[in-house]
Protein backbone atom coordinates (compact mmCIF):
# COMPACT_ATOMS: atom_id res chain seq x y z
CA UNK A 1 73.46 -74.80 59.57
CA UNK A 2 72.63 -71.73 57.60
CA UNK A 3 73.68 -71.98 53.92
CA UNK A 4 75.36 -68.50 54.19
CA UNK A 5 78.27 -70.23 56.03
CA UNK A 6 79.56 -71.08 52.57
CA UNK A 7 80.49 -67.42 52.12
CA UNK A 8 83.24 -67.82 54.64
CA UNK A 9 85.05 -70.60 52.71
CA UNK A 10 87.46 -69.46 49.98
CA UNK A 11 90.45 -70.84 48.19
CA UNK A 12 93.12 -69.42 45.97
CA UNK A 13 93.26 -70.01 42.25
CA UNK A 14 96.56 -68.43 41.24
CA UNK A 15 96.19 -64.80 42.28
CA UNK A 16 92.41 -65.03 42.40
CA UNK A 17 90.28 -65.70 45.43
CA UNK A 18 87.19 -67.89 44.83
CA UNK A 19 84.36 -68.48 47.29
CA UNK A 20 83.20 -72.01 47.73
CA UNK A 21 79.58 -70.93 47.40
CA UNK A 22 80.28 -69.60 43.84
CA UNK A 23 81.59 -73.04 42.83
CA UNK A 24 78.59 -74.76 44.43
CA UNK A 25 76.22 -72.33 42.69
CA UNK A 26 77.79 -72.93 39.24
CA UNK A 27 77.69 -76.74 39.71
CA UNK A 28 74.07 -76.47 40.79
CA UNK A 29 73.27 -74.41 37.76
CA UNK A 30 74.87 -76.88 35.30
CA UNK A 31 73.34 -79.87 37.07
CA UNK A 32 69.79 -78.52 36.98
CA UNK A 33 70.01 -77.40 33.37
CA UNK A 34 71.47 -80.67 32.05
CA UNK A 35 69.32 -82.75 34.42
CA UNK A 36 66.15 -81.11 33.23
CA UNK A 37 67.18 -81.50 29.56
CA UNK A 38 67.70 -85.25 30.03
CA UNK A 39 64.42 -85.49 31.95
CA UNK A 40 62.47 -83.75 29.19
CA UNK A 41 63.96 -86.09 26.61
CA UNK A 42 63.20 -89.17 28.69
CA UNK A 43 59.60 -88.08 29.19
CA UNK A 44 59.01 -87.17 25.53
CA UNK A 45 57.03 -90.33 24.81
CA UNK A 46 55.89 -91.09 28.36
CA UNK A 47 53.87 -88.09 29.47
CA UNK A 48 51.76 -85.45 27.71
CA UNK A 49 54.08 -82.58 26.82
CA UNK A 50 54.17 -79.69 24.37
CA UNK A 51 57.06 -80.90 22.29
CA UNK A 52 55.57 -84.38 21.59
CA UNK A 53 52.14 -82.95 20.84
CA UNK A 54 53.44 -80.24 18.52
CA UNK A 55 55.77 -82.71 16.72
CA UNK A 56 52.75 -84.88 15.84
CA UNK A 57 50.88 -81.81 14.67
CA UNK A 58 53.85 -80.87 12.47
CA UNK A 59 53.61 -84.25 10.73
CA UNK A 60 49.89 -83.74 10.30
CA UNK A 61 50.59 -80.27 8.85
CA UNK A 62 52.80 -81.85 6.16
CA UNK A 63 50.07 -84.40 5.40
CA UNK A 64 47.68 -81.47 4.76
CA UNK A 65 50.31 -79.75 2.63
CA UNK A 66 50.29 -82.75 0.31
CA UNK A 67 46.54 -82.51 -0.11
CA UNK A 68 46.65 -78.84 -1.27
CA UNK A 69 47.50 -77.71 -4.72
CA UNK A 70 48.37 -74.23 -3.52
CA UNK A 71 51.00 -74.04 -0.76
CA UNK A 72 51.17 -70.25 -0.46
CA UNK A 73 49.65 -70.29 3.10
CA UNK A 74 52.18 -72.96 4.13
CA UNK A 75 55.05 -70.95 2.80
CA UNK A 76 53.79 -67.88 4.74
CA UNK A 77 53.56 -69.92 7.94
CA UNK A 78 57.16 -71.10 7.62
CA UNK A 79 58.22 -67.50 6.90
CA UNK A 80 56.53 -66.35 10.13
CA UNK A 81 58.48 -68.99 12.02
CA UNK A 82 61.70 -67.91 10.44
CA UNK A 83 61.21 -64.28 11.47
CA UNK A 84 60.51 -65.13 15.11
CA UNK A 85 63.67 -67.30 15.28
CA UNK A 86 65.71 -64.63 13.53
CA UNK A 87 64.66 -62.17 16.32
CA UNK A 88 66.06 -64.38 18.98
CA UNK A 89 69.25 -65.09 17.06
CA UNK A 90 69.89 -61.44 16.54
CA UNK A 91 69.12 -60.72 20.21
CA UNK A 92 71.74 -63.29 21.24
CA UNK A 93 74.39 -61.44 19.18
CA UNK A 94 73.42 -58.08 20.76
CA UNK A 95 73.67 -59.63 24.27
CA UNK A 96 77.12 -61.09 23.40
CA UNK A 97 78.31 -57.65 22.23
CA UNK A 98 77.11 -56.13 25.43
CA UNK A 99 78.89 -58.74 27.51
CA UNK A 100 82.17 -58.13 25.67
CA UNK A 101 81.73 -54.43 26.40
CA UNK A 102 81.22 -54.85 30.16
CA UNK A 103 84.33 -56.97 30.50
CA UNK A 104 86.36 -53.78 30.26
CA UNK A 105 84.55 -52.30 33.33
CA UNK A 106 85.12 -55.08 35.81
CA UNK A 107 86.72 -52.89 38.49
CA UNK A 108 83.96 -50.30 38.30
CA UNK A 109 81.28 -52.97 38.30
CA UNK A 110 82.66 -54.67 41.42
CA UNK A 111 82.79 -51.32 43.25
CA UNK A 112 79.17 -50.63 42.24
CA UNK A 113 77.99 -54.10 43.47
CA UNK A 114 79.81 -53.58 46.78
CA UNK A 115 77.50 -50.66 47.48
CA UNK A 116 74.42 -52.85 47.23
CA UNK A 117 73.49 -54.03 50.76
CA UNK A 118 72.38 -57.54 49.91
CA UNK A 119 75.05 -58.28 47.27
CA UNK A 120 77.76 -60.86 48.09
CA UNK A 121 81.37 -59.66 48.01
CA UNK A 122 83.02 -60.27 44.65
CA UNK A 123 86.38 -59.78 42.85
CA UNK A 124 87.26 -58.71 39.38
CA UNK A 125 88.18 -62.32 38.59
CA UNK A 126 84.74 -63.57 39.66
CA UNK A 127 83.03 -60.77 37.79
CA UNK A 128 84.77 -61.92 34.62
CA UNK A 129 83.85 -65.55 35.35
CA UNK A 130 80.17 -64.57 35.63
CA UNK A 131 80.34 -62.60 32.44
CA UNK A 132 81.95 -65.50 30.60
CA UNK A 133 79.27 -67.85 32.03
CA UNK A 134 76.58 -65.60 30.44
CA UNK A 135 78.61 -65.47 27.25
CA UNK A 136 78.74 -69.29 26.99
CA UNK A 137 74.98 -69.46 27.62
CA UNK A 138 74.10 -67.04 24.85
CA UNK A 139 76.67 -68.44 22.45
CA UNK A 140 74.93 -71.82 22.99
CA UNK A 141 71.54 -70.14 22.42
CA UNK A 142 72.84 -68.53 19.15
CA UNK A 143 74.03 -71.81 17.75
CA UNK A 144 70.67 -73.45 18.64
CA UNK A 145 68.65 -70.64 17.04
CA UNK A 146 70.79 -70.60 13.88
CA UNK A 147 70.58 -74.34 13.46
CA UNK A 148 66.81 -74.13 13.92
CA UNK A 149 66.75 -71.31 11.33
CA UNK A 150 68.65 -73.40 8.86
CA UNK A 151 66.28 -76.34 9.31
CA UNK A 152 63.24 -74.07 8.78
CA UNK A 153 64.88 -72.91 5.57
CA UNK A 154 65.04 -76.57 4.58
CA UNK A 155 61.40 -76.80 5.39
CA UNK A 156 60.67 -74.04 2.81
CA UNK A 157 62.39 -76.28 0.29
CA UNK A 158 60.43 -79.30 1.39
CA UNK A 159 57.15 -77.43 1.02
CA UNK A 160 58.18 -76.18 -2.41
CA UNK A 161 59.32 -79.65 -3.50
CA UNK A 162 56.29 -81.51 -2.13
CA UNK A 163 54.51 -83.63 -4.76
CA UNK A 164 51.11 -82.55 -5.90
CA UNK A 165 47.96 -84.37 -4.54
CA UNK A 166 47.70 -86.59 -7.67
CA UNK A 167 51.41 -87.21 -7.99
CA UNK A 168 52.99 -90.39 -6.51
CA UNK A 169 50.29 -90.81 -3.81
CA UNK A 170 52.08 -93.91 -2.53
CA UNK A 171 55.00 -91.74 -1.52
CA UNK A 172 52.96 -89.05 0.28
CA UNK A 173 52.96 -90.64 3.79
CA UNK A 174 56.74 -91.19 3.80
CA UNK A 175 57.32 -87.60 2.56
CA UNK A 176 54.99 -86.16 5.19
CA UNK A 177 56.58 -88.07 8.02
CA UNK A 178 60.19 -87.26 7.04
CA UNK A 179 59.33 -83.61 6.37
CA UNK A 180 57.46 -83.40 9.65
CA UNK A 181 60.54 -84.78 11.47
CA UNK A 182 62.74 -82.07 9.96
CA UNK A 183 60.29 -79.37 11.13
CA UNK A 184 60.09 -81.09 14.52
CA UNK A 185 63.81 -81.10 14.91
CA UNK A 186 63.89 -77.38 14.01
CA UNK A 187 61.32 -76.74 16.70
CA UNK A 188 63.30 -78.84 19.22
CA UNK A 189 66.42 -76.73 18.76
CA UNK A 190 64.38 -73.55 18.94
CA UNK A 191 63.07 -74.80 22.27
CA UNK A 192 66.60 -75.46 23.53
CA UNK A 193 67.58 -71.91 22.59
CA UNK A 194 64.56 -70.56 24.54
CA UNK A 195 65.60 -72.66 27.53
CA UNK A 196 69.05 -71.08 27.35
CA UNK A 197 67.43 -67.61 27.49
CA UNK A 198 65.50 -68.62 30.62
CA UNK A 199 68.56 -69.96 32.32
CA UNK A 200 70.55 -66.93 31.17
CA UNK A 201 68.10 -64.68 32.94
CA UNK A 202 68.61 -66.75 36.15
CA UNK A 203 72.42 -66.49 35.70
CA UNK A 204 72.19 -62.65 35.83
CA UNK A 205 71.33 -63.00 39.48
CA UNK A 206 74.71 -64.57 40.20
CA UNK A 207 76.19 -61.03 40.00
CA UNK A 208 74.15 -60.20 43.14
CA UNK A 209 74.40 -63.36 45.24
CA UNK A 210 75.24 -67.02 44.51
CA UNK A 211 72.43 -68.22 46.72
CA UNK A 212 69.90 -66.12 44.83
CA UNK A 213 71.42 -67.55 41.64
CA UNK A 214 70.69 -71.09 42.98
CA UNK A 215 67.17 -70.22 44.03
CA UNK A 216 66.25 -68.65 40.69
CA UNK A 217 67.78 -71.55 38.71
CA UNK A 218 65.46 -73.92 40.59
CA UNK A 219 62.54 -71.53 39.93
CA UNK A 220 63.33 -71.48 36.21
CA UNK A 221 63.31 -75.30 36.14
CA UNK A 222 59.88 -75.34 37.83
CA UNK A 223 58.46 -72.77 35.46
CA UNK A 224 59.76 -74.59 32.30
CA UNK A 225 58.51 -77.90 33.62
CA UNK A 226 55.07 -76.49 34.28
CA UNK A 227 54.86 -74.87 30.86
CA UNK A 228 56.05 -77.95 28.96
CA UNK A 229 54.20 -80.65 30.99
CA UNK A 230 51.46 -79.24 33.16
CA UNK A 231 50.28 -75.97 31.61
CA UNK A 232 46.78 -75.17 30.47
CA UNK A 233 48.06 -75.27 26.89
CA UNK A 234 49.23 -78.86 27.34
CA UNK A 235 45.86 -79.82 28.87
CA UNK A 236 44.01 -78.14 26.02
CA UNK A 237 46.11 -79.84 23.31
CA UNK A 238 46.40 -83.26 25.05
CA UNK A 239 44.65 -85.90 22.86
CA UNK A 240 44.41 -83.51 19.93
CA UNK A 241 47.17 -85.25 18.04
CA UNK A 242 46.00 -88.81 18.83
CA UNK A 243 45.78 -90.90 15.77
CA UNK A 244 48.23 -88.82 13.82
């Protein structure tokens, strides 16, 4: 049976009409996002992946920091990371402002979408649901980016407070590992924020058609999986962190 048959099934939610295919698409979206997140965490120590490799290299970075008397370069590197995360955090705010603005044009937007030949029929209520869905995604991204930003600020303090090479050498390894874990956690939350951006881009297609939304959500999962587990970057870095 062709999946488009779902377009014929609707039910009433108060005064609003909701198509079954929209409900299925939203459940599909949430299931794939959460499912992939759990999968990535489960495979963290089992298969070569970018997050695990880079976490080990972050610990090695802190080991090297403790061997240097001058940490100017390390402070500059952390500053570069802070600027890139700030860009995404600011972008999340701009997107949220834009979404709040378009909420006031739901009737006009629905009429405009109705003129697109391949767009599925929609209502003002469903338009608002789709906008709120995007809003939740980018609010989530904003919180992830800002928490990552705060942790990288802590990393600046850790670099500044790091003992000198000849000072308490028996504490160096513990300091490097714990500092590396803080940086790794900052990177992990930044990665979660980036995933939200990827899924947010897929969610935009829901305005056109729920089946397109489902297809692009699956495509995003495949792209993220390839980049984190099977990309040329992973192959190039695989084994580089062995022994750290």
